[in-house]
């Protein structure tokens, strides 16, 4: 016997009412890969900003200490190198889209039916 709760809509969890219909395995994989790549860019940007701020604060508060100044300049240099890598990866993804027509950020996996 089932207990029916009138406060919960029976349509909850019914994926056939989605605008695109039920999600297939390939659609879930597409969404996962696309969101994973985008999340990587966001995390990279946040890490760059954090390293930039901490390096700048450490440089300002070094007070002439050569070791702390060297450490902070290395951190700032690494942050800028990381940002350059992140931007070059984005440019490479755009070049792949332009040359080959494959948009990694809007990935579409063909389905065999």
PDB file of N, CA and C in Angstrom:
ATOM      1  N   UNK A   1       0.834  -1.157   0.000  1.00  0.00           N
ATOM      2  CA  UNK A   1       0.000   0.000   0.000  1.00  0.00           C
ATOM      3  C   UNK A   1       0.893   1.240   0.000  1.00  0.00           C
ATOM      4  N   UNK A   2       0.508   2.250  -0.766  1.00  0.00           N
ATOM      5  CA  UNK A   2       1.273   3.479  -0.873  1.00  0.00           C
ATOM      6  C   UNK A   2       0.637   4.570  -0.033  1.00  0.00           C
ATOM      7  N   UNK A   3       1.475   5.354   0.572  1.00  0.00           N
ATOM      8  CA  UNK A   3       1.002   6.512   1.311  1.00  0.00           C
ATOM      9  C   UNK A   3       1.119   7.707   0.380  1.00  0.00           C
ATOM     10  N   UNK A   4       0.029   8.401   0.172  1.00  0.00           N
ATOM     11  CA  UNK A   4       0.009   9.537  -0.736  1.00  0.00           C
ATOM     12  C   UNK A   4      -0.001  10.813   0.090  1.00  0.00           C
ATOM     13  N   UNK A   5       0.946  11.684  -0.190  1.00  0.00           N
ATOM     14  CA  UNK A   5       1.030  12.960   0.498  1.00  0.00           C
ATOM     15  C   UNK A   5       0.453  14.023  -0.433  1.00  0.00           C
ATOM     16  N   UNK A   6      -0.649  14.651  -0.066  1.00  0.00           N
ATOM     17  CA  UNK A   6      -1.254  15.643  -0.957  1.00  0.00           C
ATOM     18  C   UNK A   6      -0.426  16.925  -1.084  1.00  0.00           C
ATOM     19  N   UNK A   7       0.554  17.122  -0.187  1.00  0.00           N
ATOM     20  CA  UNK A   7       1.365  18.337  -0.253  1.00  0.00           C
ATOM     21  C   UNK A   7       2.453  18.241  -1.325  1.00  0.00           C
ATOM     22  N   UNK A   8       2.771  17.025  -1.769  1.00  0.00           N
ATOM     23  CA  UNK A   8       3.811  16.835  -2.776  1.00  0.00           C
ATOM     24  C   UNK A   8       3.148  16.545  -4.115  1.00  0.00           C
ATOM     25  N   UNK A   9       3.520  17.310  -5.088  1.00  0.00           N
ATOM     26  CA  UNK A   9       2.975  17.147  -6.430  1.00  0.00           C
ATOM     27  C   UNK A   9       3.457  15.820  -7.012  1.00  0.00           C
ATOM     28  N   UNK A  10       2.574  15.019  -7.564  1.00  0.00           N
ATOM     29  CA  UNK A  10       3.002  13.738  -8.138  1.00  0.00           C
ATOM     30  C   UNK A  10       3.901  13.903  -9.359  1.00  0.00           C
ATOM     31  N   UNK A  11       3.941  15.103  -9.931  1.00  0.00           N
ATOM     32  CA  UNK A  11       4.792  15.351 -11.096  1.00  0.00           C
ATOM     33  C   UNK A  11       6.253  15.592 -10.706  1.00  0.00           C
ATOM     34  N   UNK A  12       6.550  15.710  -9.400  1.00  0.00           N
ATOM     35  CA  UNK A  12       7.921  15.934  -8.962  1.00  0.00           C
ATOM     36  C   UNK A  12       8.758  14.719  -9.354  1.00  0.00           C
ATOM     37  N   UNK A  13       9.856  14.974 -10.031  1.00  0.00           N
ATOM     38  CA  UNK A  13      10.728  13.900 -10.471  1.00  0.00           C
ATOM     39  C   UNK A  13      10.355  13.339 -11.826  1.00  0.00           C
ATOM     40  N   UNK A  14       9.314  13.883 -12.452  1.00  0.00           N
ATOM     41  CA  UNK A  14       8.907  13.427 -13.778  1.00  0.00           C
ATOM     42  C   UNK A  14       9.654  14.259 -14.810  1.00  0.00           C
ATOM     43  N   UNK A  15      10.712  13.685 -15.382  1.00  0.00           N
ATOM     44  CA  UNK A  15      11.565  14.426 -16.300  1.00  0.00           C
ATOM     45  C   UNK A  15      10.966  14.556 -17.695  1.00  0.00           C
ATOM     46  N   UNK A  16       9.852  13.923 -17.948  1.00  0.00           N
ATOM     47  CA  UNK A  16       9.249  14.044 -19.276  1.00  0.00           C
ATOM     48  C   UNK A  16       8.627  15.418 -19.486  1.00  0.00           C
ATOM     49  N   UNK A  17       8.482  16.195 -18.410  1.00  0.00           N
ATOM     50  CA  UNK A  17       7.902  17.529 -18.547  1.00  0.00           C
ATOM     51  C   UNK A  17       8.960  18.608 -18.754  1.00  0.00           C
ATOM     52  N   UNK A  18      10.233  18.224 -18.838  1.00  0.00           N
ATOM     53  CA  UNK A  18      11.281  19.206 -19.096  1.00  0.00           C
ATOM     54  C   UNK A  18      11.108  19.781 -20.494  1.00  0.00           C
ATOM     55  N   UNK A  19      11.563  21.014 -20.731  1.00  0.00           N
ATOM     56  CA  UNK A  19      11.419  21.610 -22.060  1.00  0.00           C
ATOM     57  C   UNK A  19      12.100  20.792 -23.154  1.00  0.00           C
ATOM     58  N   UNK A  20      13.196  20.141 -22.821  1.00  0.00           N
ATOM     59  CA  UNK A  20      13.906  19.341 -23.810  1.00  0.00           C
ATOM     60  C   UNK A  20      13.515  17.872 -23.754  1.00  0.00           C
ATOM     61  N   UNK A  21      12.600  17.526 -22.869  1.00  0.00           N
ATOM     62  CA  UNK A  21      12.216  16.135 -22.712  1.00  0.00           C
ATOM     63  C   UNK A  21      13.133  15.451 -21.712  1.00  0.00           C
ATOM     64  N   UNK A  22      13.000  14.143 -21.587  1.00  0.00           N
ATOM     65  CA  UNK A  22      13.859  13.433 -20.642  1.00  0.00           C
ATOM     66  C   UNK A  22      15.323  13.486 -21.090  1.00  0.00           C
ATOM     67  N   UNK A  23      16.216  13.557 -20.136  1.00  0.00           N
ATOM     68  CA  UNK A  23      17.642  13.641 -20.448  1.00  0.00           C
ATOM     69  C   UNK A  23      18.202  12.245 -20.702  1.00  0.00           C
ATOM     70  N   UNK A  24      18.925  12.105 -21.805  1.00  0.00           N
ATOM     71  CA  UNK A  24      19.578  10.839 -22.098  1.00  0.00           C
ATOM     72  C   UNK A  24      20.963  10.841 -21.465  1.00  0.00           C
ATOM     73  N   UNK A  25      21.629   9.707 -21.549  1.00  0.00           N
ATOM     74  CA  UNK A  25      22.974   9.601 -20.985  1.00  0.00           C
ATOM     75  C   UNK A  25      23.940  10.541 -21.686  1.00  0.00           C
ATOM     76  N   UNK A  26      23.821  10.660 -23.002  1.00  0.00           N
ATOM     77  CA  UNK A  26      24.728  11.552 -23.725  1.00  0.00           C
ATOM     78  C   UNK A  26      24.452  13.016 -23.373  1.00  0.00           C
ATOM     79  N   UNK A  27      23.196  13.367 -23.126  1.00  0.00           N
ATOM     80  CA  UNK A  27      22.874  14.746 -22.736  1.00  0.00           C
ATOM     81  C   UNK A  27      23.453  15.061 -21.364  1.00  0.00           C
ATOM     82  N   UNK A  28      23.387  14.098 -20.465  1.00  0.00           N
ATOM     83  CA  UNK A  28      23.956  14.297 -19.134  1.00  0.00           C
ATOM     84  C   UNK A  28      25.472  14.442 -19.233  1.00  0.00           C
ATOM     85  N   UNK A  29      26.113  13.629 -20.088  1.00  0.00           N
ATOM     86  CA  UNK A  29      27.556  13.728 -20.288  1.00  0.00           C
ATOM     87  C   UNK A  29      27.934  15.071 -20.899  1.00  0.00           C
ATOM     88  N   UNK A  30      27.139  15.550 -21.852  1.00  0.00           N
ATOM     89  CA  UNK A  30      27.388  16.860 -22.461  1.00  0.00           C
ATOM     90  C   UNK A  30      27.331  17.961 -21.413  1.00  0.00           C
ATOM     91  N   UNK A  31      26.279  17.939 -20.610  1.00  0.00           N
ATOM     92  CA  UNK A  31      26.127  18.957 -19.570  1.00  0.00           C
ATOM     93  C   UNK A  31      27.268  18.893 -18.564  1.00  0.00           C
ATOM     94  N   UNK A  32      27.651  17.671 -18.187  1.00  0.00           N
ATOM     95  CA  UNK A  32      28.723  17.512 -17.208  1.00  0.00           C
ATOM     96  C   UNK A  32      30.040  18.060 -17.742  1.00  0.00           C
ATOM     97  N   UNK A  33      30.427  17.673 -18.961  1.00  0.00           N
ATOM     98  CA  UNK A  33      31.700  18.120 -19.523  1.00  0.00           C
ATOM     99  C   UNK A  33      31.727  19.631 -19.727  1.00  0.00           C
ATOM    100  N   UNK A  34      30.646  20.175 -20.256  1.00  0.00           N
ATOM    101  CA  UNK A  34      30.583  21.616 -20.488  1.00  0.00           C
ATOM    102  C   UNK A  34      30.679  22.385 -19.172  1.00  0.00           C
ATOM    103  N   UNK A  35      29.910  21.964 -18.190  1.00  0.00           N
ATOM    104  CA  UNK A  35      29.933  22.655 -16.897  1.00  0.00           C
ATOM    105  C   UNK A  35      31.258  22.452 -16.169  1.00  0.00           C
ATOM    106  N   UNK A  36      31.885  21.286 -16.358  1.00  0.00           N
ATOM    107  CA  UNK A  36      33.179  21.020 -15.736  1.00  0.00           C
ATOM    108  C   UNK A  36      34.247  21.957 -16.293  1.00  0.00           C
ATOM    109  N   UNK A  37      34.252  22.161 -17.605  1.00  0.00           N
ATOM    110  CA  UNK A  37      35.225  23.064 -18.227  1.00  0.00           C
ATOM    111  C   UNK A  37      34.977  24.502 -17.780  1.00  0.00           C
ATOM    112  N   UNK A  38      33.724  24.906 -17.760  1.00  0.00           N
ATOM    113  CA  UNK A  38      33.404  26.266 -17.312  1.00  0.00           C
ATOM    114  C   UNK A  38      33.778  26.469 -15.849  1.00  0.00           C
ATOM    115  N   UNK A  39      33.521  25.454 -15.033  1.00  0.00           N
ATOM    116  CA  UNK A  39      33.883  25.534 -13.619  1.00  0.00           C
ATOM    117  C   UNK A  39      35.395  25.656 -13.455  1.00  0.00           C
ATOM    118  N   UNK A  40      36.147  24.972 -14.306  1.00  0.00           N
ATOM    119  CA  UNK A  40      37.603  25.086 -14.270  1.00  0.00           C
ATOM    120  C   UNK A  40      38.069  26.500 -14.548  1.00  0.00           C
ATOM    121  N   UNK A  41      37.430  27.162 -15.518  1.00  0.00           N
ATOM    122  CA  UNK A  41      37.780  28.551 -15.808  1.00  0.00           C
ATOM    123  C   UNK A  41      37.443  29.463 -14.627  1.00  0.00           C
ATOM    124  N   UNK A  42      36.307  29.242 -14.009  1.00  0.00           N
ATOM    125  CA  UNK A  42      35.905  30.075 -12.867  1.00  0.00           C
ATOM    126  C   UNK A  42      36.846  29.860 -11.689  1.00  0.00           C
ATOM    127  N   UNK A  43      37.166  28.603 -11.398  1.00  0.00           N
ATOM    128  CA  UNK A  43      38.081  28.314 -10.291  1.00  0.00           C
ATOM    129  C   UNK A  43      39.456  28.911 -10.573  1.00  0.00           C
ATOM    130  N   UNK A  44      39.922  28.800 -11.813  1.00  0.00           N
ATOM    131  CA  UNK A  44      41.210  29.392 -12.179  1.00  0.00           C
ATOM    132  C   UNK A  44      41.224  30.895 -11.983  1.00  0.00           C
ATOM    133  N   UNK A  45      40.139  31.563 -12.346  1.00  0.00           N
ATOM    134  CA  UNK A  45      40.062  33.017 -12.172  1.00  0.00           C
ATOM    135  C   UNK A  45      40.032  33.393 -10.692  1.00  0.00           C
ATOM    136  N   UNK A  46      39.312  32.626  -9.882  1.00  0.00           N
ATOM    137  CA  UNK A  46      39.248  32.908  -8.446  1.00  0.00           C
ATOM    138  C   UNK A  46      40.616  32.689  -7.800  1.00  0.00           C
ATOM    139  N   UNK A  47      41.300  31.609  -8.190  1.00  0.00           N
ATOM    140  CA  UNK A  47      42.635  31.343  -7.642  1.00  0.00           C
ATOM    141  C   UNK A  47      43.607  32.450  -8.050  1.00  0.00           C
ATOM    142  N   UNK A  48      43.518  32.910  -9.313  1.00  0.00           N
ATOM    143  CA  UNK A  48      44.371  34.021  -9.755  1.00  0.00           C
ATOM    144  C   UNK A  48      44.134  35.251  -8.895  1.00  0.00           C
ATOM    145  N   UNK A  49      42.878  35.603  -8.689  1.00  0.00           N
ATOM    146  CA  UNK A  49      42.559  36.794  -7.904  1.00  0.00           C
ATOM    147  C   UNK A  49      43.076  36.661  -6.477  1.00  0.00           C
ATOM    148  N   UNK A  50      42.884  35.472  -5.876  1.00  0.00           N
ATOM    149  CA  UNK A  50      43.353  35.235  -4.508  1.00  0.00           C
ATOM    150  C   UNK A  50      44.873  35.344  -4.426  1.00  0.00           C
ATOM    151  N   UNK A  51      45.588  34.729  -5.377  1.00  0.00           N
ATOM    152  CA  UNK A  51      47.054  34.796  -5.373  1.00  0.00           C
ATOM    153  C   UNK A  51      47.541  36.220  -5.610  1.00  0.00           C
ATOM    154  N   UNK A  52      46.844  36.949  -6.467  1.00  0.00           N
ATOM    155  CA  UNK A  52      47.228  38.332  -6.737  1.00  0.00           C
ATOM    156  C   UNK A  52      47.077  39.191  -5.484  1.00  0.00           C
ATOM    157  N   UNK A  53      45.965  39.049  -4.800  1.00  0.00           N
ATOM    158  CA  UNK A  53      45.719  39.843  -3.587  1.00  0.00           C
ATOM    159  C   UNK A  53      46.702  39.464  -2.483  1.00  0.00           C
ATOM    160  N   UNK A  54      46.883  38.162  -2.237  1.00  0.00           N
ATOM    161  CA  UNK A  54      47.800  37.759  -1.162  1.00  0.00           C
ATOM    162  C   UNK A  54      49.242  38.139  -1.487  1.00  0.00           C
ATOM    163  N   UNK A  55      49.639  38.026  -2.742  1.00  0.00           N
ATOM    164  CA  UNK A  55      50.989  38.430  -3.130  1.00  0.00           C
ATOM    165  C   UNK A  55      51.199  39.920  -2.970  1.00  0.00           C
ATOM    166  N   UNK A  56      50.187  40.703  -3.333  1.00  0.00           N
ATOM    167  CA  UNK A  56      50.300  42.157  -3.200  1.00  0.00           C
ATOM    168  C   UNK A  56      50.350  42.569  -1.734  1.00  0.00           C
ATOM    169  N   UNK A  57      49.511  41.961  -0.910  1.00  0.00           N
ATOM    170  CA  UNK A  57      49.516  42.293   0.519  1.00  0.00           C
ATOM    171  C   UNK A  57      50.847  41.886   1.146  1.00  0.00           C
ATOM    172  N   UNK A  58      51.363  40.720   0.772  1.00  0.00           N
ATOM    173  CA  UNK A  58      52.651  40.279   1.313  1.00  0.00           C
ATOM    174  C   UNK A  58      53.780  41.210   0.864  1.00  0.00           C
ATOM    175  N   UNK A  59      53.709  41.675  -0.373  1.00  0.00           N
ATOM    176  CA  UNK A  59      54.740  42.589  -0.879  1.00  0.00           C
ATOM    177  C   UNK A  59      54.694  43.931  -0.142  1.00  0.00           C
ATOM    178  N   UNK A  60      53.484  44.416   0.097  1.00  0.00           N
ATOM    179  CA  UNK A  60      53.329  45.700   0.786  1.00  0.00           C
ATOM    180  C   UNK A  60      53.791  45.601   2.237  1.00  0.00           C
ATOM    181  N   UNK A  61      53.488  44.480   2.889  1.00  0.00           N
ATOM    182  CA  UNK A  61      53.833  44.330   4.303  1.00  0.00           C
ATOM    183  C   UNK A  61      55.217  43.732   4.522  1.00  0.00           C
ATOM    184  N   UNK A  62      55.990  43.533   3.458  1.00  0.00           N
ATOM    185  CA  UNK A  62      57.323  42.931   3.599  1.00  0.00           C
ATOM    186  C   UNK A  62      58.245  43.818   4.419  1.00  0.00           C
ATOM    187  N   UNK A  63      58.108  45.108   4.297  1.00  0.00           N
ATOM    188  CA  UNK A  63      58.901  46.032   5.102  1.00  0.00           C
ATOM    189  C   UNK A  63      60.393  45.953   4.832  1.00  0.00           C
ATOM    190  N   UNK A  64      60.777  45.678   3.624  1.00  0.00           N
ATOM    191  CA  UNK A  64      62.196  45.633   3.286  1.00  0.00           C
ATOM    192  C   UNK A  64      62.849  44.280   3.512  1.00  0.00           C
ATOM    193  N   UNK A  65      62.100  43.308   4.036  1.00  0.00           N
ATOM    194  CA  UNK A  65      62.635  41.962   4.234  1.00  0.00           C
ATOM    195  C   UNK A  65      62.817  41.301   2.868  1.00  0.00           C
ATOM    196  N   UNK A  66      64.070  40.980   2.545  1.00  0.00           N
ATOM    197  CA  UNK A  66      64.386  40.479   1.210  1.00  0.00           C
ATOM    198  C   UNK A  66      63.705  39.133   0.931  1.00  0.00           C
ATOM    199  N   UNK A  67      63.640  38.264   1.920  1.00  0.00           N
ATOM    200  CA  UNK A  67      63.038  36.942   1.727  1.00  0.00           C
ATOM    201  C   UNK A  67      61.538  37.051   1.443  1.00  0.00           C
ATOM    202  N   UNK A  68      60.849  37.889   2.204  1.00  0.00           N
ATOM    203  CA  UNK A  68      59.403  38.063   1.981  1.00  0.00           C
ATOM    204  C   UNK A  68      59.125  38.774   0.665  1.00  0.00           C
ATOM    205  N   UNK A  69      59.981  39.718   0.301  1.00  0.00           N
ATOM    206  CA  UNK A  69      59.817  40.409  -0.977  1.00  0.00           C
ATOM    207  C   UNK A  69      59.991  39.433  -2.136  1.00  0.00           C
ATOM    208  N   UNK A  70      61.001  38.569  -2.045  1.00  0.00           N
ATOM    209  CA  UNK A  70      61.230  37.562  -3.083  1.00  0.00           C
ATOM    210  C   UNK A  70      60.060  36.588  -3.156  1.00  0.00           C
ATOM    211  N   UNK A  71      59.568  36.160  -1.995  1.00  0.00           N
ATOM    212  CA  UNK A  71      58.432  35.235  -1.951  1.00  0.00           C
ATOM    213  C   UNK A  71      57.188  35.860  -2.577  1.00  0.00           C
ATOM    214  N   UNK A  72      56.945  37.121  -2.259  1.00  0.00           N
ATOM    215  CA  UNK A  72      55.743  37.775  -2.795  1.00  0.00           C
ATOM    216  C   UNK A  72      55.863  38.030  -4.293  1.00  0.00           C
ATOM    217  N   UNK A  73      57.058  38.372  -4.772  1.00  0.00           N
ATOM    218  CA  UNK A  73      57.209  38.575  -6.222  1.00  0.00           C
ATOM    219  C   UNK A  73      57.062  37.258  -6.970  1.00  0.00           C
ATOM    220  N   UNK A  74      57.528  36.152  -6.368  1.00  0.00           N
ATOM    221  CA  UNK A  74      57.316  34.836  -6.992  1.00  0.00           C
ATOM    222  C   UNK A  74      55.826  34.513  -7.064  1.00  0.00           C
ATOM    223  N   UNK A  75      55.107  34.811  -5.984  1.00  0.00           N
ATOM    224  CA  UNK A  75      53.668  34.546  -5.976  1.00  0.00           C
ATOM    225  C   UNK A  75      52.958  35.386  -7.032  1.00  0.00           C
ATOM    226  N   UNK A  76      53.316  36.660  -7.138  1.00  0.00           N
ATOM    227  CA  UNK A  76      52.708  37.526  -8.153  1.00  0.00           C
ATOM    228  C   UNK A  76      53.050  37.042  -9.562  1.00  0.00           C
ATOM    229  N   UNK A  77      54.300  36.629  -9.759  1.00  0.00           N
ATOM    230  CA  UNK A  77      54.706  36.113 -11.065  1.00  0.00           C
ATOM    231  C   UNK A  77      53.943  34.840 -11.407  1.00  0.00           C
ATOM    232  N   UNK A  78      53.810  33.938 -10.437  1.00  0.00           N
ATOM    233  CA  UNK A  78      53.062  32.697 -10.672  1.00  0.00           C
ATOM    234  C   UNK A  78      51.593  32.974 -10.961  1.00  0.00           C
ATOM    235  N   UNK A  79      51.027  33.965 -10.291  1.00  0.00           N
ATOM    236  CA  UNK A  79      49.630  34.321 -10.553  1.00  0.00           C
ATOM    237  C   UNK A  79      49.459  34.829 -11.979  1.00  0.00           C
ATOM    238  N   UNK A  80      50.376  35.657 -12.428  1.00  0.00           N
ATOM    239  CA  UNK A  80      50.284  36.193 -13.789  1.00  0.00           C
ATOM    240  C   UNK A  80      50.514  35.089 -14.817  1.00  0.00           C
ATOM    241  N   UNK A  81      51.451  34.169 -14.535  1.00  0.00           N
ATOM    242  CA  UNK A  81      51.672  33.033 -15.439  1.00  0.00           C
ATOM    243  C   UNK A  81      50.423  32.162 -15.498  1.00  0.00           C
ATOM    244  N   UNK A  82      49.787  31.923 -14.356  1.00  0.00           N
ATOM    245  CA  UNK A  82      48.555  31.136 -14.333  1.00  0.00           C
ATOM    246  C   UNK A  82      47.442  31.790 -15.128  1.00  0.00           C
ATOM    247  N   UNK A  83      47.324  33.107 -15.010  1.00  0.00           N
ATOM    248  CA  UNK A  83      46.312  33.817 -15.790  1.00  0.00           C
ATOM    249  C   UNK A  83      46.624  33.726 -17.282  1.00  0.00           C
ATOM    250  N   UNK A  84      47.907  33.823 -17.633  1.00  0.00           N
ATOM    251  CA  UNK A  84      48.295  33.706 -19.042  1.00  0.00           C
ATOM    252  C   UNK A  84      47.962  32.317 -19.583  1.00  0.00           C
ATOM    253  N   UNK A  85      48.186  31.277 -18.781  1.00  0.00           N
ATOM    254  CA  UNK A  85      47.835  29.915 -19.199  1.00  0.00           C
ATOM    255  C   UNK A  85      46.332  29.789 -19.372  1.00  0.00           C
ATOM    256  N   UNK A  86      45.576  30.344 -18.438  1.00  0.00           N
ATOM    257  CA  UNK A  86      44.118  30.282 -18.516  1.00  0.00           C
ATOM    258  C   UNK A  86      43.596  31.003 -19.755  1.00  0.00           C
ATOM    259  N   UNK A  87      44.129  32.183 -20.022  1.00  0.00           N
ATOM    260  CA  UNK A  87      43.700  32.933 -21.205  1.00  0.00           C
ATOM    261  C   UNK A  87      44.132  32.248 -22.497  1.00  0.00           C
ATOM    262  N   UNK A  88      45.341  31.663 -22.505  1.00  0.00           N
ATOM    263  CA  UNK A  88      45.780  30.964 -23.719  1.00  0.00           C
ATOM    264  C   UNK A  88      44.939  29.721 -23.965  1.00  0.00           C
ATOM    265  N   UNK A  89      44.512  29.040 -22.911  1.00  0.00           N
ATOM    266  CA  UNK A  89      43.621  27.893 -23.077  1.00  0.00           C
ATOM    267  C   UNK A  89      42.287  28.333 -23.672  1.00  0.00           C
ATOM    268  N   UNK A  90      41.778  29.463 -23.206  1.00  0.00           N
ATOM    269  CA  UNK A  90      40.531  29.983 -23.764  1.00  0.00           C
ATOM    270  C   UNK A  90      40.699  30.338 -25.240  1.00  0.00           C
ATOM    271  N   UNK A  91      41.828  30.957 -25.588  1.00  0.00           N
ATOM    272  CA  UNK A  91      42.092  31.309 -26.991  1.00  0.00           C
ATOM    273  C   UNK A  91      42.211  30.047 -27.839  1.00  0.00           C
ATOM    274  N   UNK A  92      42.865  29.018 -27.314  1.00  0.00           N
ATOM    275  CA  UNK A  92      42.988  27.753 -28.053  1.00  0.00           C
ATOM    276  C   UNK A  92      41.615  27.138 -28.282  1.00  0.00           C
ATOM    277  N   UNK A  93      40.751  27.169 -27.270  1.00  0.00           N
ATOM    278  CA  UNK A  93      39.393  26.635 -27.443  1.00  0.00           C
ATOM    279  C   UNK A  93      38.627  27.414 -28.511  1.00  0.00           C
ATOM    280  N   UNK A  94      38.799  28.727 -28.541  1.00  0.00           N
ATOM    281  CA  UNK A  94      38.138  29.541 -29.569  1.00  0.00           C
ATOM    282  C   UNK A  94      38.717  29.249 -30.953  1.00  0.00           C
ATOM    283  N   UNK A  95      40.035  29.028 -31.045  1.00  0.00           N
ATOM    284  CA  UNK A  95      40.648  28.679 -32.329  1.00  0.00           C
ATOM    285  C   UNK A  95      40.149  27.330 -32.836  1.00  0.00           C
ATOM    286  N   UNK A  96      40.015  26.366 -31.937  1.00  0.00           N
ATOM    287  CA  UNK A  96      39.479  25.056 -32.320  1.00  0.00           C
ATOM    288  C   UNK A  96      38.062  25.217 -32.843  1.00  0.00           C
ATOM    289  N   UNK A  97      37.284  26.081 -32.202  1.00  0.00           N
ATOM    290  CA  UNK A  97      35.920  26.325 -32.674  1.00  0.00           C
ATOM    291  C   UNK A  97      35.934  26.967 -34.056  1.00  0.00           C
ATOM    292  N   UNK A  98      36.814  27.946 -34.265  1.00  0.00           N
ATOM    293  CA  UNK A  98      36.862  28.654 -35.544  1.00  0.00           C
ATOM    294  C   UNK A  98      37.374  27.757 -36.664  1.00  0.00           C
ATOM    295  N   UNK A  99      38.445  27.013 -36.406  1.00  0.00           N
ATOM    296  CA  UNK A  99      39.070  26.213 -37.460  1.00  0.00           C
ATOM    297  C   UNK A  99      38.294  24.927 -37.740  1.00  0.00           C
ATOM    298  N   UNK A 100      37.953  24.177 -36.694  1.00  0.00           N
ATOM    299  CA  UNK A 100      37.333  22.867 -36.873  1.00  0.00           C
ATOM    300  C   UNK A 100      35.820  22.868 -36.679  1.00  0.00           C
ATOM    301  N   UNK A 101      35.277  23.926 -36.115  1.00  0.00           N
ATOM    302  CA  UNK A 101      33.839  23.993 -35.881  1.00  0.00           C
ATOM    303  C   UNK A 101      33.387  23.210 -34.661  1.00  0.00           C
ATOM    304  N   UNK A 102      34.323  22.852 -33.788  1.00  0.00           N
ATOM    305  CA  UNK A 102      33.991  22.100 -32.578  1.00  0.00           C
ATOM    306  C   UNK A 102      34.022  23.071 -31.404  1.00  0.00           C
ATOM    307  N   UNK A 103      32.864  23.316 -30.821  1.00  0.00           N
ATOM    308  CA  UNK A 103      32.789  24.226 -29.678  1.00  0.00           C
ATOM    309  C   UNK A 103      32.803  23.400 -28.399  1.00  0.00           C
ATOM    310  N   UNK A 104      33.936  23.390 -27.719  1.00  0.00           N
ATOM    311  CA  UNK A 104      34.091  22.602 -26.503  1.00  0.00           C
ATOM    312  C   UNK A 104      33.193  23.143 -25.391  1.00  0.00           C
ATOM    313  N   UNK A 105      32.960  24.456 -25.381  1.00  0.00           N
ATOM    314  CA  UNK A 105      32.138  25.049 -24.332  1.00  0.00           C
ATOM    315  C   UNK A 105      30.645  24.857 -24.576  1.00  0.00           C
ATOM    316  N   UNK A 106      30.267  24.430 -25.759  1.00  0.00           N
ATOM    317  CA  UNK A 106      28.880  24.069 -26.084  1.00  0.00           C
ATOM    318  C   UNK A 106      28.903  22.697 -26.749  1.00  0.00           C
ATOM    319  N   UNK A 107      29.463  21.734 -26.058  1.00  0.00           N
ATOM    320  CA  UNK A 107      29.723  20.412 -26.608  1.00  0.00           C
ATOM    321  C   UNK A 107      28.426  19.687 -26.948  1.00  0.00           C
ATOM    322  N   UNK A 108      28.394  19.094 -28.131  1.00  0.00           N
ATOM    323  CA  UNK A 108      27.263  18.271 -28.545  1.00  0.00           C
ATOM    324  C   UNK A 108      27.793  16.912 -28.969  1.00  0.00           C
ATOM    325  N   UNK A 109      27.407  15.890 -28.229  1.00  0.00           N
ATOM    326  CA  UNK A 109      27.838  14.534 -28.534  1.00  0.00           C
ATOM    327  C   UNK A 109      26.764  13.887 -29.400  1.00  0.00           C
ATOM    328  N   UNK A 110      27.128  13.378 -30.588  1.00  0.00           N
ATOM    329  CA  UNK A 110      26.117  12.751 -31.440  1.00  0.00           C
ATOM    330  C   UNK A 110      25.608  11.452 -30.819  1.00  0.00           C
ATOM    331  N   UNK A 111      24.340  11.181 -31.041  1.00  0.00           N
ATOM    332  CA  UNK A 111      23.698  10.003 -30.477  1.00  0.00           C
ATOM    333  C   UNK A 111      23.431   9.001 -31.591  1.00  0.00           C
ATOM    334  N   UNK A 112      23.800   7.745 -31.360  1.00  0.00           N
ATOM    335  CA  UNK A 112      23.504   6.672 -32.309  1.00  0.00           C
ATOM    336  C   UNK A 112      22.199   6.025 -31.870  1.00  0.00           C
ATOM    337  N   UNK A 113      21.235   6.033 -32.772  1.00  0.00           N
ATOM    338  CA  UNK A 113      19.927   5.462 -32.414  1.00  0.00           C
ATOM    339  C   UNK A 113      19.672   4.193 -33.167  1.00  0.00           C
TER     340      UNK A 113
END
